[in-house]
């Protein structure tokens, strides 16, 4: 068996994080895909910067305005319906990207594999909530109108961790996602930030 030019014989391709880009705009998908590629190749600084780029593209596509990314993220809540915890987590991702662009980290202890991996997973959850849950909800309602159809229930149950209601306060954050929110926040080195450090993924 031969090998690709420039690649050593027996080379194993790096493991990539999975990402379902269904219904997500191309510019946002491209940014996050590049973050995932950088992470797979252990280019963690570049990956963190591309996670930040993903947020910038999300704000641009959703027409969230502001003088800087912090303001645009804050105004993003006016154009999308997200739980408060997810919106706050977006600012943590912004800070992770900021630290990656500086010689010394300002908010996080380091910008490495774990920080970037959690950042990517968190960004994926946000994009699911913005672009994919409505489609799953439509499938769920279609099944409800046809009681004899059982196909797809398990998939919808697994992929719909947030139950969307008309009131943002009624969003229910699943324990696994809440743990991610707390974990990425607890990584910040800011002395005024306190989250339970015992919470794990």
C-alpha atoms as a PDB file:
ATOM      1  CA  UNK A   1       0.000   0.000   0.000  1.00  0.00           C
ATOM      2  CA  UNK A   2       1.442   3.360  -0.997  1.00  0.00           C
ATOM      3  CA  UNK A   3       1.384   6.609   0.907  1.00  0.00           C
ATOM      4  CA  UNK A   4       0.523  10.155  -0.101  1.00  0.00           C
ATOM      5  CA  UNK A   5       3.418  12.379  -1.266  1.00  0.00           C
ATOM      6  CA  UNK A   6       5.038  14.107   1.681  1.00  0.00           C
ATOM      7  CA  UNK A   7       3.291  11.855   4.206  1.00  0.00           C
ATOM      8  CA  UNK A   8       5.269   9.091   5.960  1.00  0.00           C
ATOM      9  CA  UNK A   9       4.311   5.482   5.244  1.00  0.00           C
ATOM     10  CA  UNK A  10       1.853   4.144   7.812  1.00  0.00           C
ATOM     11  CA  UNK A  11       0.688   7.639   8.806  1.00  0.00           C
ATOM     12  CA  UNK A  12      -2.635   7.610  10.662  1.00  0.00           C
ATOM     13  CA  UNK A  13      -4.889  10.588   9.822  1.00  0.00           C
ATOM     14  CA  UNK A  14      -5.645  12.748  12.877  1.00  0.00           C
ATOM     15  CA  UNK A  15      -8.939  12.141  14.627  1.00  0.00           C
ATOM     16  CA  UNK A  16     -11.471  14.887  13.924  1.00  0.00           C
ATOM     17  CA  UNK A  17     -14.349  16.057  16.062  1.00  0.00           C
ATOM     18  CA  UNK A  18     -17.683  15.354  14.408  1.00  0.00           C
ATOM     19  CA  UNK A  19     -19.788  18.234  13.097  1.00  0.00           C
ATOM     20  CA  UNK A  20     -23.231  18.187  11.484  1.00  0.00           C
ATOM     21  CA  UNK A  21     -23.502  21.290   9.288  1.00  0.00           C
ATOM     22  CA  UNK A  22     -27.143  20.728   8.258  1.00  0.00           C
ATOM     23  CA  UNK A  23     -28.961  24.063   7.748  1.00  0.00           C
ATOM     24  CA  UNK A  24     -25.930  26.074   8.952  1.00  0.00           C
ATOM     25  CA  UNK A  25     -24.803  28.905   6.588  1.00  0.00           C
ATOM     26  CA  UNK A  26     -21.688  28.172   4.557  1.00  0.00           C
ATOM     27  CA  UNK A  27     -19.519  30.936   6.034  1.00  0.00           C
ATOM     28  CA  UNK A  28     -20.179  29.749   9.595  1.00  0.00           C
ATOM     29  CA  UNK A  29     -19.620  26.126   8.612  1.00  0.00           C
ATOM     30  CA  UNK A  30     -16.314  26.987   6.933  1.00  0.00           C
ATOM     31  CA  UNK A  31     -15.001  28.779  10.031  1.00  0.00           C
ATOM     32  CA  UNK A  32     -15.901  25.977  12.423  1.00  0.00           C
ATOM     33  CA  UNK A  33     -14.640  23.282  10.046  1.00  0.00           C
ATOM     34  CA  UNK A  34     -11.281  25.056   9.973  1.00  0.00           C
ATOM     35  CA  UNK A  35     -11.276  25.211  13.778  1.00  0.00           C
ATOM     36  CA  UNK A  36     -11.913  21.451  13.861  1.00  0.00           C
ATOM     37  CA  UNK A  37      -9.125  20.814  11.340  1.00  0.00           C
ATOM     38  CA  UNK A  38      -6.676  22.905  13.348  1.00  0.00           C
ATOM     39  CA  UNK A  39      -7.658  21.059  16.527  1.00  0.00           C
ATOM     40  CA  UNK A  40      -7.154  17.678  14.831  1.00  0.00           C
ATOM     41  CA  UNK A  41      -3.654  18.741  13.785  1.00  0.00           C
ATOM     42  CA  UNK A  42      -2.873  20.037  17.302  1.00  0.00           C
ATOM     43  CA  UNK A  43      -2.757  23.664  16.163  1.00  0.00           C
ATOM     44  CA  UNK A  44      -4.719  24.786  19.200  1.00  0.00           C
ATOM     45  CA  UNK A  45      -3.969  28.503  19.013  1.00  0.00           C
ATOM     46  CA  UNK A  46      -5.205  28.627  15.419  1.00  0.00           C
ATOM     47  CA  UNK A  47      -8.233  26.530  16.373  1.00  0.00           C
ATOM     48  CA  UNK A  48      -9.226  28.940  19.146  1.00  0.00           C
ATOM     49  CA  UNK A  49      -8.935  31.891  16.778  1.00  0.00           C
ATOM     50  CA  UNK A  50     -11.196  30.113  14.279  1.00  0.00           C
ATOM     51  CA  UNK A  51     -13.763  29.441  17.012  1.00  0.00           C
ATOM     52  CA  UNK A  52     -13.803  33.197  17.550  1.00  0.00           C
ATOM     53  CA  UNK A  53     -14.166  33.651  13.786  1.00  0.00           C
ATOM     54  CA  UNK A  54     -17.186  31.336  13.934  1.00  0.00           C
ATOM     55  CA  UNK A  55     -18.799  33.698  16.446  1.00  0.00           C
ATOM     56  CA  UNK A  56     -18.020  36.683  14.238  1.00  0.00           C
ATOM     57  CA  UNK A  57     -19.687  34.975  11.274  1.00  0.00           C
ATOM     58  CA  UNK A  58     -22.728  34.047  13.368  1.00  0.00           C
ATOM     59  CA  UNK A  59     -23.145  37.675  14.426  1.00  0.00           C
ATOM     60  CA  UNK A  60     -22.705  38.883  10.852  1.00  0.00           C
ATOM     61  CA  UNK A  61     -25.223  36.433   9.387  1.00  0.00           C
ATOM     62  CA  UNK A  62     -27.769  37.232  12.107  1.00  0.00           C
ATOM     63  CA  UNK A  63     -27.201  40.997  11.659  1.00  0.00           C
ATOM     64  CA  UNK A  64     -26.058  41.544  15.256  1.00  0.00           C
ATOM     65  CA  UNK A  65     -24.390  44.954  15.298  1.00  0.00           C
ATOM     66  CA  UNK A  66     -21.913  46.602  17.644  1.00  0.00           C
ATOM     67  CA  UNK A  67     -18.544  48.348  17.758  1.00  0.00           C
ATOM     68  CA  UNK A  68     -16.788  45.124  18.714  1.00  0.00           C
ATOM     69  CA  UNK A  69     -17.484  41.414  19.047  1.00  0.00           C
ATOM     70  CA  UNK A  70     -18.444  41.751  22.716  1.00  0.00           C
ATOM     71  CA  UNK A  71     -21.219  44.194  21.817  1.00  0.00           C
ATOM     72  CA  UNK A  72     -22.324  42.106  18.840  1.00  0.00           C
ATOM     73  CA  UNK A  73     -22.621  38.997  20.993  1.00  0.00           C
ATOM     74  CA  UNK A  74     -24.678  40.944  23.527  1.00  0.00           C
ATOM     75  CA  UNK A  75     -26.989  42.174  20.767  1.00  0.00           C
ATOM     76  CA  UNK A  76     -27.237  38.695  19.264  1.00  0.00           C
ATOM     77  CA  UNK A  77     -29.855  37.873  21.873  1.00  0.00           C
ATOM     78  CA  UNK A  78     -32.290  40.195  20.090  1.00  0.00           C
ATOM     79  CA  UNK A  79     -32.233  38.125  16.886  1.00  0.00           C
ATOM     80  CA  UNK A  80     -32.012  34.575  18.218  1.00  0.00           C
ATOM     81  CA  UNK A  81     -33.707  32.783  21.079  1.00  0.00           C
ATOM     82  CA  UNK A  82     -31.099  31.186  23.319  1.00  0.00           C
ATOM     83  CA  UNK A  83     -30.939  30.407  27.029  1.00  0.00           C
ATOM     84  CA  UNK A  84     -29.073  32.979  29.094  1.00  0.00           C
ATOM     85  CA  UNK A  85     -26.352  30.435  29.856  1.00  0.00           C
ATOM     86  CA  UNK A  86     -25.581  29.887  26.162  1.00  0.00           C
ATOM     87  CA  UNK A  87     -25.363  33.618  25.473  1.00  0.00           C
ATOM     88  CA  UNK A  88     -23.004  34.085  28.409  1.00  0.00           C
ATOM     89  CA  UNK A  89     -20.918  31.151  27.192  1.00  0.00           C
ATOM     90  CA  UNK A  90     -20.455  32.863  23.830  1.00  0.00           C
ATOM     91  CA  UNK A  91     -18.551  35.647  25.572  1.00  0.00           C
ATOM     92  CA  UNK A  92     -16.275  33.044  27.167  1.00  0.00           C
ATOM     93  CA  UNK A  93     -15.534  31.722  23.671  1.00  0.00           C
ATOM     94  CA  UNK A  94     -14.721  35.268  22.568  1.00  0.00           C
ATOM     95  CA  UNK A  95     -12.237  35.569  25.437  1.00  0.00           C
ATOM     96  CA  UNK A  96     -10.693  32.213  24.519  1.00  0.00           C
ATOM     97  CA  UNK A  97     -10.107  33.521  20.998  1.00  0.00           C
ATOM     98  CA  UNK A  98      -8.679  36.748  22.395  1.00  0.00           C
ATOM     99  CA  UNK A  99      -6.201  34.836  24.543  1.00  0.00           C
ATOM    100  CA  UNK A 100      -5.129  32.797  21.530  1.00  0.00           C
ATOM    101  CA  UNK A 101      -4.224  35.999  19.702  1.00  0.00           C
ATOM    102  CA  UNK A 102      -1.980  37.272  22.527  1.00  0.00           C
ATOM    103  CA  UNK A 103       1.443  36.106  23.673  1.00  0.00           C
ATOM    104  CA  UNK A 104       0.199  35.572  27.230  1.00  0.00           C
ATOM    105  CA  UNK A 105      -3.258  34.368  28.219  1.00  0.00           C
ATOM    106  CA  UNK A 106      -5.352  37.006  29.942  1.00  0.00           C
ATOM    107  CA  UNK A 107      -8.480  35.051  30.922  1.00  0.00           C
ATOM    108  CA  UNK A 108      -7.643  31.357  30.588  1.00  0.00           C
ATOM    109  CA  UNK A 109      -4.737  29.534  32.221  1.00  0.00           C
ATOM    110  CA  UNK A 110      -3.720  28.225  28.811  1.00  0.00           C
ATOM    111  CA  UNK A 111      -5.100  27.733  25.312  1.00  0.00           C
ATOM    112  CA  UNK A 112      -4.600  24.037  24.725  1.00  0.00           C
ATOM    113  CA  UNK A 113      -6.318  20.868  23.605  1.00  0.00           C
ATOM    114  CA  UNK A 114      -8.937  20.706  26.359  1.00  0.00           C
ATOM    115  CA  UNK A 115      -9.907  24.372  26.205  1.00  0.00           C
ATOM    116  CA  UNK A 116     -10.248  24.332  22.424  1.00  0.00           C
ATOM    117  CA  UNK A 117     -12.126  21.028  22.336  1.00  0.00           C
ATOM    118  CA  UNK A 118     -14.702  22.272  24.842  1.00  0.00           C
ATOM    119  CA  UNK A 119     -14.924  25.564  22.937  1.00  0.00           C
ATOM    120  CA  UNK A 120     -15.671  23.740  19.689  1.00  0.00           C
ATOM    121  CA  UNK A 121     -18.265  21.501  21.343  1.00  0.00           C
ATOM    122  CA  UNK A 122     -19.914  24.532  22.904  1.00  0.00           C
ATOM    123  CA  UNK A 123     -19.992  26.369  19.573  1.00  0.00           C
ATOM    124  CA  UNK A 124     -21.621  23.301  17.993  1.00  0.00           C
ATOM    125  CA  UNK A 125     -24.370  23.328  20.626  1.00  0.00           C
ATOM    126  CA  UNK A 126     -25.068  27.006  19.943  1.00  0.00           C
ATOM    127  CA  UNK A 127     -25.312  26.393  16.198  1.00  0.00           C
ATOM    128  CA  UNK A 128     -27.651  23.468  16.787  1.00  0.00           C
ATOM    129  CA  UNK A 129     -29.926  25.695  18.843  1.00  0.00           C
ATOM    130  CA  UNK A 130     -29.899  28.476  16.243  1.00  0.00           C
ATOM    131  CA  UNK A 131     -30.164  26.498  13.005  1.00  0.00           C
ATOM    132  CA  UNK A 132     -31.182  22.888  13.600  1.00  0.00           C
ATOM    133  CA  UNK A 133     -33.706  22.561  16.404  1.00  0.00           C
ATOM    134  CA  UNK A 134     -36.533  24.156  14.439  1.00  0.00           C
ATOM    135  CA  UNK A 135     -36.151  21.480  11.764  1.00  0.00           C
ATOM    136  CA  UNK A 136     -36.193  18.756  14.401  1.00  0.00           C
ATOM    137  CA  UNK A 137     -39.233  20.356  15.978  1.00  0.00           C
ATOM    138  CA  UNK A 138     -40.999  20.260  12.597  1.00  0.00           C
ATOM    139  CA  UNK A 139     -40.179  16.555  12.297  1.00  0.00           C
ATOM    140  CA  UNK A 140     -41.456  15.979  15.809  1.00  0.00           C
ATOM    141  CA  UNK A 141     -44.750  17.722  15.016  1.00  0.00           C
ATOM    142  CA  UNK A 142     -45.057  15.770  11.788  1.00  0.00           C
ATOM    143  CA  UNK A 143     -44.776  12.571  13.772  1.00  0.00           C
ATOM    144  CA  UNK A 144     -47.402  13.823  16.200  1.00  0.00           C
ATOM    145  CA  UNK A 145     -49.895  14.347  13.360  1.00  0.00           C
ATOM    146  CA  UNK A 146     -49.275  10.750  12.274  1.00  0.00           C
ATOM    147  CA  UNK A 147     -49.504   8.602  15.421  1.00  0.00           C
ATOM    148  CA  UNK A 148     -48.819   5.385  13.470  1.00  0.00           C
ATOM    149  CA  UNK A 149     -45.330   6.570  12.485  1.00  0.00           C
ATOM    150  CA  UNK A 150     -42.704   5.536  15.028  1.00  0.00           C
ATOM    151  CA  UNK A 151     -39.554   6.145  12.976  1.00  0.00           C
ATOM    152  CA  UNK A 152     -37.328   8.975  14.084  1.00  0.00           C
ATOM    153  CA  UNK A 153     -38.464   9.304  17.702  1.00  0.00           C
ATOM    154  CA  UNK A 154     -35.182   8.055  19.156  1.00  0.00           C
ATOM    155  CA  UNK A 155     -33.152  10.380  16.935  1.00  0.00           C
ATOM    156  CA  UNK A 156     -35.236  13.404  17.857  1.00  0.00           C
ATOM    157  CA  UNK A 157     -35.057  12.558  21.544  1.00  0.00           C
ATOM    158  CA  UNK A 158     -31.267  12.386  21.407  1.00  0.00           C
ATOM    159  CA  UNK A 159     -30.709  15.464  19.259  1.00  0.00           C
ATOM    160  CA  UNK A 160     -33.164  17.814  20.937  1.00  0.00           C
ATOM    161  CA  UNK A 161     -31.668  18.526  24.362  1.00  0.00           C
ATOM    162  CA  UNK A 162     -33.282  21.960  24.607  1.00  0.00           C
ATOM    163  CA  UNK A 163     -37.066  22.142  24.790  1.00  0.00           C
ATOM    164  CA  UNK A 164     -38.032  25.376  23.046  1.00  0.00           C
ATOM    165  CA  UNK A 165     -40.917  27.338  24.566  1.00  0.00           C
ATOM    166  CA  UNK A 166     -42.311  30.783  24.034  1.00  0.00           C
ATOM    167  CA  UNK A 167     -40.555  32.010  27.191  1.00  0.00           C
ATOM    168  CA  UNK A 168     -36.739  32.089  27.252  1.00  0.00           C
ATOM    169  CA  UNK A 169     -36.780  31.556  31.015  1.00  0.00           C
ATOM    170  CA  UNK A 170     -38.445  28.184  30.458  1.00  0.00           C
ATOM    171  CA  UNK A 171     -35.581  26.728  28.438  1.00  0.00           C
ATOM    172  CA  UNK A 172     -34.321  23.580  30.093  1.00  0.00           C
ATOM    173  CA  UNK A 173     -30.551  23.091  29.946  1.00  0.00           C
ATOM    174  CA  UNK A 174     -29.620  19.379  29.934  1.00  0.00           C
ATOM    175  CA  UNK A 175     -27.019  18.410  32.569  1.00  0.00           C
ATOM    176  CA  UNK A 176     -24.383  17.500  29.956  1.00  0.00           C
ATOM    177  CA  UNK A 177     -24.573  20.932  28.308  1.00  0.00           C
ATOM    178  CA  UNK A 178     -24.727  22.786  31.616  1.00  0.00           C
ATOM    179  CA  UNK A 179     -21.554  20.971  32.627  1.00  0.00           C
ATOM    180  CA  UNK A 180     -19.832  22.205  29.453  1.00  0.00           C
ATOM    181  CA  UNK A 181     -20.913  25.780  30.194  1.00  0.00           C
ATOM    182  CA  UNK A 182     -19.538  25.592  33.722  1.00  0.00           C
ATOM    183  CA  UNK A 183     -16.341  23.820  32.598  1.00  0.00           C
ATOM    184  CA  UNK A 184     -15.301  26.354  29.969  1.00  0.00           C
ATOM    185  CA  UNK A 185     -16.119  29.198  32.358  1.00  0.00           C
ATOM    186  CA  UNK A 186     -14.126  27.616  35.195  1.00  0.00           C
ATOM    187  CA  UNK A 187     -11.042  27.524  32.955  1.00  0.00           C
ATOM    188  CA  UNK A 188     -10.881  31.300  32.953  1.00  0.00           C
ATOM    189  CA  UNK A 189      -8.101  32.610  35.148  1.00  0.00           C
ATOM    190  CA  UNK A 190      -9.932  35.840  36.047  1.00  0.00           C
ATOM    191  CA  UNK A 191      -9.971  36.168  39.813  1.00  0.00           C
ATOM    192  CA  UNK A 192     -13.514  37.548  39.889  1.00  0.00           C
ATOM    193  CA  UNK A 193     -14.980  34.510  38.107  1.00  0.00           C
ATOM    194  CA  UNK A 194     -16.243  31.730  40.351  1.00  0.00           C
ATOM    195  CA  UNK A 195     -17.812  28.560  39.062  1.00  0.00           C
ATOM    196  CA  UNK A 196     -17.876  25.137  40.713  1.00  0.00           C
ATOM    197  CA  UNK A 197     -14.566  23.540  39.726  1.00  0.00           C
ATOM    198  CA  UNK A 198     -15.870  20.102  40.641  1.00  0.00           C
ATOM    199  CA  UNK A 199     -18.216  20.010  37.648  1.00  0.00           C
ATOM    200  CA  UNK A 200     -16.834  17.743  34.947  1.00  0.00           C
ATOM    201  CA  UNK A 201     -17.824  16.848  31.454  1.00  0.00           C
END
